[in-house]
Amino acid sequence: MPTYDYHCVNNGQTVEVNHRMSEKMLTWGELCERVGIEPGQTPLESEVQRQATGGQVVKSTSLGNSDMPPCSVGGGCPSGGCGLH
C-alpha cells in the first residue's frame, strides 16, 4: 500500500499513513484512528489535507535484470518478463 502524508490544518502536525489509493482521510479523528495515535486537544472533526509527496520509481534495470524491457501493463508483469516475478 502507498504511504501518504496528511497535514492537520488545526494543529499543524503532519502524519504518515499507509492506505489504498482509493481511500482518503478527511478529518483528524479518521487519521488518528487509522494510525493509532491519540488526538490530543485537537477536535476530531479538524480538516486534514493530503500532501503532495514524491514517489519512488522502480526501473527494471534497478532490479538487476537490465536485459528485459519495463513492464507495459503496470503493477508487475503476469509473465515475469519485466523482472518483477
PDB file of N, CA and C in Angstrom:
ATOM      1  N   MET A   1       0.836  -1.182   0.000  1.00  0.00           N
ATOM      2  CA  MET A   1       0.000   0.000   0.000  1.00  0.00           C
ATOM      3  C   MET A   1       0.883   1.249   0.000  1.00  0.00           C
ATOM      4  N   PRO A   2       0.435   2.273  -0.691  1.00  0.00           N
ATOM      5  CA  PRO A   2       1.211   3.523  -0.730  1.00  0.00           C
ATOM      6  C   PRO A   2       1.195   4.240   0.614  1.00  0.00           C
ATOM      7  N   THR A   3       2.190   5.065   0.818  1.00  0.00           N
ATOM      8  CA  THR A   3       2.289   5.883   2.022  1.00  0.00           C
ATOM      9  C   THR A   3       1.971   7.325   1.658  1.00  0.00           C
ATOM     10  N   TYR A   4       1.147   7.971   2.488  1.00  0.00           N
ATOM     11  CA  TYR A   4       0.753   9.355   2.268  1.00  0.00           C
ATOM     12  C   TYR A   4       1.039  10.176   3.521  1.00  0.00           C
ATOM     13  N   ASP A   5       1.333  11.450   3.326  1.00  0.00           N
ATOM     14  CA  ASP A   5       1.472  12.397   4.431  1.00  0.00           C
ATOM     15  C   ASP A   5       0.214  13.241   4.476  1.00  0.00           C
ATOM     16  N   TYR A   6      -0.355  13.358   5.673  1.00  0.00           N
ATOM     17  CA  TYR A   6      -1.523  14.213   5.886  1.00  0.00           C
ATOM     18  C   TYR A   6      -1.151  15.304   6.872  1.00  0.00           C
ATOM     19  N   HIS A   7      -1.574  16.524   6.573  1.00  0.00           N
ATOM     20  CA  HIS A   7      -1.301  17.684   7.418  1.00  0.00           C
ATOM     21  C   HIS A   7      -2.600  18.154   8.045  1.00  0.00           C
ATOM     22  N   CYS A   8      -2.595  18.309   9.373  1.00  0.00           N
ATOM     23  CA  CYS A   8      -3.767  18.822  10.081  1.00  0.00           C
ATOM     24  C   CYS A   8      -3.721  20.344  10.060  1.00  0.00           C
ATOM     25  N   VAL A   9      -4.766  20.946   9.533  1.00  0.00           N
ATOM     26  CA  VAL A   9      -4.852  22.400   9.424  1.00  0.00           C
ATOM     27  C   VAL A   9      -4.898  23.049  10.813  1.00  0.00           C
ATOM     28  N   ASN A  10      -5.584  22.399  11.749  1.00  0.00           N
ATOM     29  CA  ASN A  10      -5.798  22.965  13.081  1.00  0.00           C
ATOM     30  C   ASN A  10      -4.542  22.948  13.952  1.00  0.00           C
ATOM     31  N   ASN A  11      -3.823  21.814  13.989  1.00  0.00           N
ATOM     32  CA  ASN A  11      -2.693  21.718  14.931  1.00  0.00           C
ATOM     33  C   ASN A  11      -1.315  21.778  14.268  1.00  0.00           C
ATOM     34  N   GLY A  12      -1.276  21.796  12.940  1.00  0.00           N
ATOM     35  CA  GLY A  12      -0.004  21.924  12.227  1.00  0.00           C
ATOM     36  C   GLY A  12       0.822  20.654  12.152  1.00  0.00           C
ATOM     37  N   GLN A  13       0.300  19.532  12.637  1.00  0.00           N
ATOM     38  CA  GLN A  13       1.046  18.272  12.607  1.00  0.00           C
ATOM     39  C   GLN A  13       0.900  17.578  11.256  1.00  0.00           C
ATOM     40  N   THR A  14       1.937  16.881  10.841  1.00  0.00           N
ATOM     41  CA  THR A  14       1.909  16.057   9.643  1.00  0.00           C
ATOM     42  C   THR A  14       2.136  14.614  10.070  1.00  0.00           C
ATOM     43  N   VAL A  15       1.267  13.722   9.578  1.00  0.00           N
ATOM     44  CA  VAL A  15       1.307  12.315   9.965  1.00  0.00           C
ATOM     45  C   VAL A  15       1.385  11.461   8.705  1.00  0.00           C
ATOM     46  N   GLU A  16       2.210  10.424   8.750  1.00  0.00           N
ATOM     47  CA  GLU A  16       2.357   9.489   7.640  1.00  0.00           C
ATOM     48  C   GLU A  16       1.431   8.302   7.866  1.00  0.00           C
ATOM     49  N   VAL A  17       0.718   7.902   6.808  1.00  0.00           N
ATOM     50  CA  VAL A  17      -0.230   6.781   6.921  1.00  0.00           C
ATOM     51  C   VAL A  17      -0.216   5.962   5.636  1.00  0.00           C
ATOM     52  N   ASN A  18      -0.369   4.650   5.777  1.00  0.00           N
ATOM     53  CA  ASN A  18      -0.473   3.748   4.629  1.00  0.00           C
ATOM     54  C   ASN A  18      -1.943   3.433   4.395  1.00  0.00           C
ATOM     55  N   HIS A  19      -2.386   3.565   3.150  1.00  0.00           N
ATOM     56  CA  HIS A  19      -3.733   3.149   2.788  1.00  0.00           C
ATOM     57  C   HIS A  19      -3.850   2.983   1.287  1.00  0.00           C
ATOM     58  N   ARG A  20      -4.936   2.366   0.863  1.00  0.00           N
ATOM     59  CA  ARG A  20      -5.165   2.163  -0.563  1.00  0.00           C
ATOM     60  C   ARG A  20      -5.291   3.490  -1.280  1.00  0.00           C
ATOM     61  N   MET A  21      -4.969   3.495  -2.568  1.00  0.00           N
ATOM     62  CA  MET A  21      -5.054   4.715  -3.368  1.00  0.00           C
ATOM     63  C   MET A  21      -6.486   5.243  -3.422  1.00  0.00           C
ATOM     64  N   SER A  22      -7.469   4.373  -3.333  1.00  0.00           N
ATOM     65  CA  SER A  22      -8.875   4.771  -3.411  1.00  0.00           C
ATOM     66  C   SER A  22      -9.383   5.416  -2.127  1.00  0.00           C
ATOM     67  N   GLU A  23      -8.632   5.331  -1.049  1.00  0.00           N
ATOM     68  CA  GLU A  23      -9.036   5.910   0.229  1.00  0.00           C
ATOM     69  C   GLU A  23      -8.475   7.312   0.399  1.00  0.00           C
ATOM     70  N   LYS A  24      -9.128   8.075   1.270  1.00  0.00           N
ATOM     71  CA  LYS A  24      -8.625   9.400   1.619  1.00  0.00           C
ATOM     72  C   LYS A  24      -9.111   9.748   3.024  1.00  0.00           C
ATOM     73  N   MET A  25      -8.211  10.242   3.846  1.00  0.00           N
ATOM     74  CA  MET A  25      -8.570  10.707   5.179  1.00  0.00           C
ATOM     75  C   MET A  25      -9.052  12.154   5.069  1.00  0.00           C
ATOM     76  N   LEU A  26     -10.134  12.479   5.752  1.00  0.00           N
ATOM     77  CA  LEU A  26     -10.687  13.829   5.683  1.00  0.00           C
ATOM     78  C   LEU A  26     -10.579  14.597   6.992  1.00  0.00           C
ATOM     79  N   THR A  27     -10.563  13.880   8.129  1.00  0.00           N
ATOM     80  CA  THR A  27     -10.545  14.550   9.425  1.00  0.00           C
ATOM     81  C   THR A  27      -9.420  14.022  10.314  1.00  0.00           C
ATOM     82  N   TRP A  28      -9.070  14.825  11.313  1.00  0.00           N
ATOM     83  CA  TRP A  28      -8.049  14.443  12.283  1.00  0.00           C
ATOM     84  C   TRP A  28      -8.472  13.166  13.014  1.00  0.00           C
ATOM     85  N   GLY A  29      -9.748  13.036  13.323  1.00  0.00           N
ATOM     86  CA  GLY A  29     -10.245  11.841  14.008  1.00  0.00           C
ATOM     87  C   GLY A  29     -10.035  10.577  13.186  1.00  0.00           C
ATOM     88  N   GLU A  30     -10.351  10.635  11.884  1.00  0.00           N
ATOM     89  CA  GLU A  30     -10.134   9.486  10.995  1.00  0.00           C
ATOM     90  C   GLU A  30      -8.653   9.113  10.940  1.00  0.00           C
ATOM     91  N   LEU A  31      -7.823  10.124  10.825  1.00  0.00           N
ATOM     92  CA  LEU A  31      -6.379   9.914  10.725  1.00  0.00           C
ATOM     93  C   LEU A  31      -5.828   9.284  12.002  1.00  0.00           C
ATOM     94  N   CYS A  32      -6.201   9.833  13.140  1.00  0.00           N
ATOM     95  CA  CYS A  32      -5.716   9.308  14.425  1.00  0.00           C
ATOM     96  C   CYS A  32      -6.150   7.866  14.634  1.00  0.00           C
ATOM     97  N   GLU A  33      -7.402   7.572  14.287  1.00  0.00           N
ATOM     98  CA  GLU A  33      -7.905   6.208  14.438  1.00  0.00           C
ATOM     99  C   GLU A  33      -7.124   5.248  13.538  1.00  0.00           C
ATOM    100  N   ARG A  34      -6.866   5.666  12.319  1.00  0.00           N
ATOM    101  CA  ARG A  34      -6.184   4.809  11.344  1.00  0.00           C
ATOM    102  C   ARG A  34      -4.764   4.468  11.769  1.00  0.00           C
ATOM    103  N   VAL A  35      -4.022   5.463  12.280  1.00  0.00           N
ATOM    104  CA  VAL A  35      -2.622   5.222  12.643  1.00  0.00           C
ATOM    105  C   VAL A  35      -2.434   4.875  14.120  1.00  0.00           C
ATOM    106  N   GLY A  36      -3.506   4.919  14.901  1.00  0.00           N
ATOM    107  CA  GLY A  36      -3.428   4.519  16.303  1.00  0.00           C
ATOM    108  C   GLY A  36      -2.750   5.521  17.207  1.00  0.00           C
ATOM    109  N   ILE A  37      -3.002   6.822  16.957  1.00  0.00           N
ATOM    110  CA  ILE A  37      -2.442   7.850  17.839  1.00  0.00           C
ATOM    111  C   ILE A  37      -3.574   8.585  18.553  1.00  0.00           C
ATOM    112  N   GLU A  38      -3.237   9.176  19.689  1.00  0.00           N
ATOM    113  CA  GLU A  38      -4.212   9.959  20.450  1.00  0.00           C
ATOM    114  C   GLU A  38      -4.417  11.317  19.778  1.00  0.00           C
ATOM    115  N   PRO A  39      -5.657  11.797  19.695  1.00  0.00           N
ATOM    116  CA  PRO A  39      -5.921  13.083  19.043  1.00  0.00           C
ATOM    117  C   PRO A  39      -5.470  14.290  19.849  1.00  0.00           C
ATOM    118  N   GLY A  40      -5.211  14.089  21.134  1.00  0.00           N
ATOM    119  CA  GLY A  40      -4.795  15.214  21.977  1.00  0.00           C
ATOM    120  C   GLY A  40      -5.912  16.240  22.092  1.00  0.00           C
ATOM    121  N   GLN A  41      -5.561  17.513  22.095  1.00  0.00           N
ATOM    122  CA  GLN A  41      -6.527  18.604  22.260  1.00  0.00           C
ATOM    123  C   GLN A  41      -7.210  18.998  20.944  1.00  0.00           C
ATOM    124  N   THR A  42      -6.777  18.431  19.834  1.00  0.00           N
ATOM    125  CA  THR A  42      -7.306  18.792  18.519  1.00  0.00           C
ATOM    126  C   THR A  42      -8.689  18.183  18.329  1.00  0.00           C
ATOM    127  N   PRO A  43      -9.688  18.992  17.943  1.00  0.00           N
ATOM    128  CA  PRO A  43     -11.029  18.452  17.684  1.00  0.00           C
ATOM    129  C   PRO A  43     -10.986  17.381  16.589  1.00  0.00           C
ATOM    130  N   LEU A  44     -11.735  16.301  16.784  1.00  0.00           N
ATOM    131  CA  LEU A  44     -11.730  15.180  15.857  1.00  0.00           C
ATOM    132  C   LEU A  44     -12.184  15.565  14.456  1.00  0.00           C
ATOM    133  N   GLU A  45     -13.022  16.584  14.333  1.00  0.00           N
ATOM    134  CA  GLU A  45     -13.543  16.995  13.026  1.00  0.00           C
ATOM    135  C   GLU A  45     -12.629  17.966  12.286  1.00  0.00           C
ATOM    136  N   SER A  46     -11.450  18.250  12.846  1.00  0.00           N
ATOM    137  CA  SER A  46     -10.497  19.150  12.185  1.00  0.00           C
ATOM    138  C   SER A  46     -10.083  18.586  10.836  1.00  0.00           C
ATOM    139  N   GLU A  47      -9.980  19.445   9.840  1.00  0.00           N
ATOM    140  CA  GLU A  47      -9.636  19.051   8.480  1.00  0.00           C
ATOM    141  C   GLU A  47      -8.182  18.618   8.375  1.00  0.00           C
ATOM    142  N   VAL A  48      -7.949  17.552   7.612  1.00  0.00           N
ATOM    143  CA  VAL A  48      -6.584  17.161   7.241  1.00  0.00           C
ATOM    144  C   VAL A  48      -6.485  17.195   5.728  1.00  0.00           C
ATOM    145  N   GLN A  49      -5.295  17.515   5.244  1.00  0.00           N
ATOM    146  CA  GLN A  49      -5.059  17.616   3.807  1.00  0.00           C
ATOM    147  C   GLN A  49      -3.926  16.684   3.414  1.00  0.00           C
ATOM    148  N   ARG A  50      -4.164  15.894   2.374  1.00  0.00           N
ATOM    149  CA  ARG A  50      -3.107  15.019   1.881  1.00  0.00           C
ATOM    150  C   ARG A  50      -2.071  15.878   1.177  1.00  0.00           C
ATOM    151  N   GLN A  51      -0.806  15.674   1.528  1.00  0.00           N
ATOM    152  CA  GLN A  51       0.289  16.460   0.976  1.00  0.00           C
ATOM    153  C   GLN A  51       0.830  15.799  -0.286  1.00  0.00           C
ATOM    154  N   ALA A  52       1.284  16.618  -1.204  1.00  0.00           N
ATOM    155  CA  ALA A  52       1.936  16.098  -2.409  1.00  0.00           C
ATOM    156  C   ALA A  52       3.330  15.643  -2.019  1.00  0.00           C
ATOM    157  N   THR A  53       3.593  14.360  -2.164  1.00  0.00           N
ATOM    158  CA  THR A  53       4.904  13.817  -1.830  1.00  0.00           C
ATOM    159  C   THR A  53       5.426  13.040  -3.021  1.00  0.00           C
ATOM    160  N   GLY A  54       6.722  12.960  -3.125  1.00  0.00           N
ATOM    161  CA  GLY A  54       7.343  12.237  -4.236  1.00  0.00           C
ATOM    162  C   GLY A  54       7.281  10.743  -4.021  1.00  0.00           C
ATOM    163  N   GLY A  55       7.186  10.011  -5.105  1.00  0.00           N
ATOM    164  CA  GLY A  55       7.198   8.557  -5.037  1.00  0.00           C
ATOM    165  C   GLY A  55       8.490   8.022  -5.599  1.00  0.00           C
ATOM    166  N   GLN A  56       8.709   6.773  -5.396  1.00  0.00           N
ATOM    167  CA  GLN A  56       9.895   6.130  -5.949  1.00  0.00           C
ATOM    168  C   GLN A  56       9.493   5.338  -7.177  1.00  0.00           C
ATOM    169  N   VAL A  57      10.275   5.455  -8.206  1.00  0.00           N
ATOM    170  CA  VAL A  57      10.033   4.712  -9.430  1.00  0.00           C
ATOM    171  C   VAL A  57      11.042   3.589  -9.506  1.00  0.00           C
ATOM    172  N   VAL A  58      10.559   2.368  -9.684  1.00  0.00           N
ATOM    173  CA  VAL A  58      11.445   1.219  -9.801  1.00  0.00           C
ATOM    174  C   VAL A  58      11.583   0.890 -11.276  1.00  0.00           C
ATOM    175  N   LYS A  59      12.802   0.915 -11.767  1.00  0.00           N
ATOM    176  CA  LYS A  59      13.074   0.584 -13.157  1.00  0.00           C
ATOM    177  C   LYS A  59      13.568  -0.854 -13.224  1.00  0.00           C
ATOM    178  N   SER A  60      13.326  -1.485 -14.336  1.00  0.00           N
ATOM    179  CA  SER A  60      13.764  -2.876 -14.465  1.00  0.00           C
ATOM    180  C   SER A  60      15.280  -2.994 -14.310  1.00  0.00           C
ATOM    181  N   THR A  61      16.034  -1.959 -14.692  1.00  0.00           N
ATOM    182  CA  THR A  61      17.488  -2.025 -14.569  1.00  0.00           C
ATOM    183  C   THR A  61      17.923  -2.007 -13.111  1.00  0.00           C
ATOM    184  N   SER A  62      17.122  -1.400 -12.237  1.00  0.00           N
ATOM    185  CA  SER A  62      17.491  -1.367 -10.825  1.00  0.00           C
ATOM    186  C   SER A  62      17.241  -2.702 -10.151  1.00  0.00           C
ATOM    187  N   LEU A  63      16.523  -3.610 -10.830  1.00  0.00           N
ATOM    188  CA  LEU A  63      16.249  -4.923 -10.273  1.00  0.00           C
ATOM    189  C   LEU A  63      17.304  -5.950 -10.668  1.00  0.00           C
ATOM    190  N   GLY A  64      18.312  -5.495 -11.403  1.00  0.00           N
ATOM    191  CA  GLY A  64      19.364  -6.405 -11.803  1.00  0.00           C
ATOM    192  C   GLY A  64      18.996  -7.243 -13.012  1.00  0.00           C
ATOM    193  N   ASN A  65      17.997  -6.822 -13.761  1.00  0.00           N
ATOM    194  CA  ASN A  65      17.561  -7.567 -14.931  1.00  0.00           C
ATOM    195  C   ASN A  65      17.511  -6.610 -16.107  1.00  0.00           C
ATOM    196  N   SER A  66      18.648  -6.003 -16.436  1.00  0.00           N
ATOM    197  CA  SER A  66      18.698  -4.916 -17.395  1.00  0.00           C
ATOM    198  C   SER A  66      18.438  -5.352 -18.835  1.00  0.00           C
ATOM    199  N   ASP A  67      18.441  -6.651 -19.123  1.00  0.00           N
ATOM    200  CA  ASP A  67      18.182  -7.089 -20.483  1.00  0.00           C
ATOM    201  C   ASP A  67      16.689  -7.187 -20.794  1.00  0.00           C
ATOM    202  N   MET A  68      15.834  -6.987 -19.804  1.00  0.00           N
ATOM    203  CA  MET A  68      14.394  -7.068 -20.001  1.00  0.00           C
ATOM    204  C   MET A  68      13.798  -5.667 -20.064  1.00  0.00           C
ATOM    205  N   PRO A  69      12.804  -5.435 -20.931  1.00  0.00           N
ATOM    206  CA  PRO A  69      12.165  -4.125 -21.017  1.00  0.00           C
ATOM    207  C   PRO A  69      11.253  -3.885 -19.819  1.00  0.00           C
ATOM    208  N   PRO A  70      10.925  -2.601 -19.524  1.00  0.00           N
ATOM    209  CA  PRO A  70       9.989  -2.315 -18.444  1.00  0.00           C
ATOM    210  C   PRO A  70       8.629  -2.917 -18.737  1.00  0.00           C
ATOM    211  N   CYS A  71       7.902  -3.217 -17.720  1.00  0.00           N
ATOM    212  CA  CYS A  71       6.567  -3.798 -17.853  1.00  0.00           C
ATOM    213  C   CYS A  71       5.605  -2.787 -18.456  1.00  0.00           C
ATOM    214  N   SER A  72       4.886  -3.188 -19.482  1.00  0.00           N
ATOM    215  CA  SER A  72       3.948  -2.268 -20.137  1.00  0.00           C
ATOM    216  C   SER A  72       2.565  -2.304 -19.509  1.00  0.00           C
ATOM    217  N   VAL A  73       2.281  -3.281 -18.649  1.00  0.00           N
ATOM    218  CA  VAL A  73       0.940  -3.376 -18.071  1.00  0.00           C
ATOM    219  C   VAL A  73       0.863  -2.733 -16.690  1.00  0.00           C
ATOM    220  N   GLY A  74       1.965  -2.406 -16.088  1.00  0.00           N
ATOM    221  CA  GLY A  74       1.983  -1.772 -14.771  1.00  0.00           C
ATOM    222  C   GLY A  74       1.659  -2.756 -13.672  1.00  0.00           C
ATOM    223  N   GLY A  75       2.128  -2.450 -12.478  1.00  0.00           N
ATOM    224  CA  GLY A  75       1.827  -3.262 -11.310  1.00  0.00           C
ATOM    225  C   GLY A  75       2.494  -4.629 -11.284  1.00  0.00           C
ATOM    226  N   GLY A  76       3.496  -4.850 -12.084  1.00  0.00           N
ATOM    227  CA  GLY A  76       4.156  -6.141 -12.138  1.00  0.00           C
ATOM    228  C   GLY A  76       3.638  -6.943 -13.314  1.00  0.00           C
ATOM    229  N   CYS A  77       4.497  -7.680 -13.932  1.00  0.00           N
ATOM    230  CA  CYS A  77       4.115  -8.440 -15.124  1.00  0.00           C
ATOM    231  C   CYS A  77       3.555  -9.795 -14.743  1.00  0.00           C
ATOM    232  N   PRO A  78       2.443 -10.165 -15.330  1.00  0.00           N
ATOM    233  CA  PRO A  78       1.938 -11.516 -15.094  1.00  0.00           C
ATOM    234  C   PRO A  78       2.890 -12.578 -15.632  1.00  0.00           C
ATOM    235  N   SER A  79       3.633 -12.248 -16.675  1.00  0.00           N
ATOM    236  CA  SER A  79       4.549 -13.225 -17.272  1.00  0.00           C
ATOM    237  C   SER A  79       5.925 -13.214 -16.618  1.00  0.00           C
ATOM    238  N   GLY A  80       6.204 -12.197 -15.812  1.00  0.00           N
ATOM    239  CA  GLY A  80       7.523 -12.078 -15.198  1.00  0.00           C
ATOM    240  C   GLY A  80       8.546 -11.522 -16.154  1.00  0.00           C
ATOM    241  N   GLY A  81       8.122 -11.014 -17.330  1.00  0.00           N
ATOM    242  CA  GLY A  81       9.034 -10.541 -18.347  1.00  0.00           C
ATOM    243  C   GLY A  81       9.799  -9.286 -17.960  1.00  0.00           C
ATOM    244  N   CYS A  82       9.308  -8.534 -17.010  1.00  0.00           N
ATOM    245  CA  CYS A  82       9.992  -7.294 -16.659  1.00  0.00           C
ATOM    246  C   CYS A  82      10.924  -7.492 -15.471  1.00  0.00           C
ATOM    247  N   GLY A  83      11.003  -8.672 -14.961  1.00  0.00           N
ATOM    248  CA  GLY A  83      11.882  -8.927 -13.832  1.00  0.00           C
ATOM    249  C   GLY A  83      11.187  -8.823 -12.490  1.00  0.00           C
ATOM    250  N   LEU A  84       9.904  -8.503 -12.485  1.00  0.00           N
ATOM    251  CA  LEU A  84       9.141  -8.419 -11.224  1.00  0.00           C
ATOM    252  C   LEU A  84       8.396  -9.729 -11.001  1.00  0.00           C
ATOM    253  N   HIS A  85       9.088 -10.784 -10.758  1.00  0.00           N
ATOM    254  CA  HIS A  85       8.430 -12.071 -10.537  1.00  0.00           C
ATOM    255  C   HIS A  85       8.808 -12.661  -9.225  1.00  0.00           C
TER     256      HIS A  85
END
